[in-house]
Structures are given as C-alpha cells and as structure tokens.
C-alpha atoms as a PDB file:
ATOM      1  CA  MET A   1      32.947  -5.461 -37.616  1.00  0.00           C
ATOM      2  CA  LYS A   2      35.686  -3.019 -38.396  1.00  0.00           C
ATOM      3  CA  ALA A   3      34.840   0.652 -39.130  1.00  0.00           C
ATOM      4  CA  LYS A   4      36.173   0.468 -42.694  1.00  0.00           C
ATOM      5  CA  LYS A   5      33.974  -2.595 -43.444  1.00  0.00           C
ATOM      6  CA  PHE A   6      30.996  -0.856 -41.821  1.00  0.00           C
ATOM      7  CA  ASP A   7      31.571   2.281 -43.897  1.00  0.00           C
ATOM      8  CA  SER A   8      32.009   0.434 -47.145  1.00  0.00           C
ATOM      9  CA  ASP A   9      28.879  -1.715 -46.549  1.00  0.00           C
ATOM     10  CA  PHE A  10      26.884   1.424 -45.688  1.00  0.00           C
ATOM     11  CA  ASP A  11      28.196   3.272 -48.767  1.00  0.00           C
ATOM     12  CA  ASP A  12      27.339   0.342 -50.938  1.00  0.00           C
ATOM     13  CA  GLY A  13      23.782   0.294 -49.662  1.00  0.00           C
ATOM     14  CA  LYS A  14      24.033  -3.050 -47.940  1.00  0.00           C
ATOM     15  CA  ASP A  15      22.055  -3.923 -44.822  1.00  0.00           C
ATOM     16  CA  ILE A  16      24.066  -2.960 -41.741  1.00  0.00           C
ATOM     17  CA  SER A  17      21.356  -3.495 -39.127  1.00  0.00           C
ATOM     18  CA  HIS A  18      23.012  -6.657 -37.930  1.00  0.00           C
ATOM     19  CA  ALA A  19      26.006  -4.605 -36.864  1.00  0.00           C
ATOM     20  CA  LEU A  20      24.041  -2.108 -34.755  1.00  0.00           C
ATOM     21  CA  ASP A  21      23.222  -2.572 -31.069  1.00  0.00           C
ATOM     22  CA  VAL A  22      19.697  -1.147 -30.642  1.00  0.00           C
ATOM     23  CA  SER A  23      18.973  -2.673 -27.244  1.00  0.00           C
ATOM     24  CA  ASN A  24      19.556   0.687 -25.439  1.00  0.00           C
ATOM     25  CA  VAL A  25      18.314   3.124 -28.042  1.00  0.00           C
ATOM     26  CA  ARG A  26      16.543   6.277 -26.795  1.00  0.00           C
ATOM     27  CA  ARG A  27      14.543   8.826 -28.769  1.00  0.00           C
ATOM     28  CA  PRO A  28      15.605  12.355 -27.784  1.00  0.00           C
ATOM     29  CA  LEU A  29      12.845  14.720 -26.723  1.00  0.00           C
ATOM     30  CA  GLN A  30      10.402  11.863 -26.325  1.00  0.00           C
ATOM     31  CA  GLU A  31      11.048  11.358 -22.627  1.00  0.00           C
ATOM     32  CA  GLN A  32       8.886  12.959 -19.975  1.00  0.00           C
ATOM     33  CA  ARG A  33      10.377  16.092 -18.501  1.00  0.00           C
ATOM     34  CA  ARG A  34       9.289  18.227 -15.584  1.00  0.00           C
ATOM     35  CA  VAL A  35       9.084  21.944 -16.349  1.00  0.00           C
ATOM     36  CA  ILE A  36       8.657  24.494 -13.548  1.00  0.00           C
ATOM     37  CA  LEU A  37       7.346  27.894 -14.612  1.00  0.00           C
ATOM     38  CA  SER A  38       8.245  30.759 -12.359  1.00  0.00           C
ATOM     39  CA  ASN A  39       6.334  33.532 -14.111  1.00  0.00           C
ATOM     40  CA  GLN A  40       2.909  34.277 -12.869  1.00  0.00           C
ATOM     41  CA  LEU A  41       0.084  34.818 -15.324  1.00  0.00           C
ATOM     42  CA  ARG A  42      -1.829  38.062 -14.753  1.00  0.00           C
ATOM     43  CA  ILE A  43      -5.399  38.034 -15.966  1.00  0.00           C
ATOM     44  CA  THR A  44      -7.370  41.237 -15.703  1.00  0.00           C
ATOM     45  CA  HIS A  45     -10.360  42.909 -17.210  1.00  0.00           C
ATOM     46  CA  PRO A  46     -10.021  45.805 -19.620  1.00  0.00           C
ATOM     47  CA  GLU A  47     -11.681  48.124 -17.043  1.00  0.00           C
ATOM     48  CA  VAL A  48      -9.013  47.324 -14.482  1.00  0.00           C
ATOM     49  CA  ASP A  49      -6.246  48.047 -17.006  1.00  0.00           C
ATOM     50  CA  GLU A  50      -7.837  51.349 -17.919  1.00  0.00           C
ATOM     51  CA  SER A  51      -8.210  52.421 -14.291  1.00  0.00           C
ATOM     52  CA  GLU A  52      -4.576  51.571 -13.581  1.00  0.00           C
ATOM     53  CA  ARG A  53      -3.562  53.629 -16.624  1.00  0.00           C
ATOM     54  CA  LEU A  54      -5.639  56.599 -15.502  1.00  0.00           C
ATOM     55  CA  ASN A  55      -4.320  56.431 -11.975  1.00  0.00           C
ATOM     56  CA  ALA A  56      -0.763  56.382 -13.212  1.00  0.00           C
ATOM     57  CA  CYS A  57      -1.314  59.728 -14.914  1.00  0.00           C
ATOM     58  CA  LEU A  58      -2.293  61.443 -11.646  1.00  0.00           C
END
C-alpha cells in the first residue's frame, strides 16, 4: 500500500489494520530491566542522630 493511500484511508476513518505488520510489535517500558542502585540506605535511630549532632558541636 502506498503512503498516500494509507494516509487517505486513515483520514477517512477506514480500517487500516490489514496494512500494518504487528508480528514484531513491542510495548515500550513493559520489558524487564535490571536496575543497579549504588546509593546505600542509612537507617539509624533518633538517639544516634542526636548524639552525632552533639558530638559535631564539640
């Protein structure tokens, strides 16, 4: 199908699914990806944070 014919059929609201090759269609962002996080999570208690703050003032 020529592009002009495809465009005119699409603009006229006709069914163009027969002209599309959907055998290798992919959905972006639906594939599995591996993510490596390099930041370390620091979990402390409020008492530890307070003691560090007080020691920094010395």
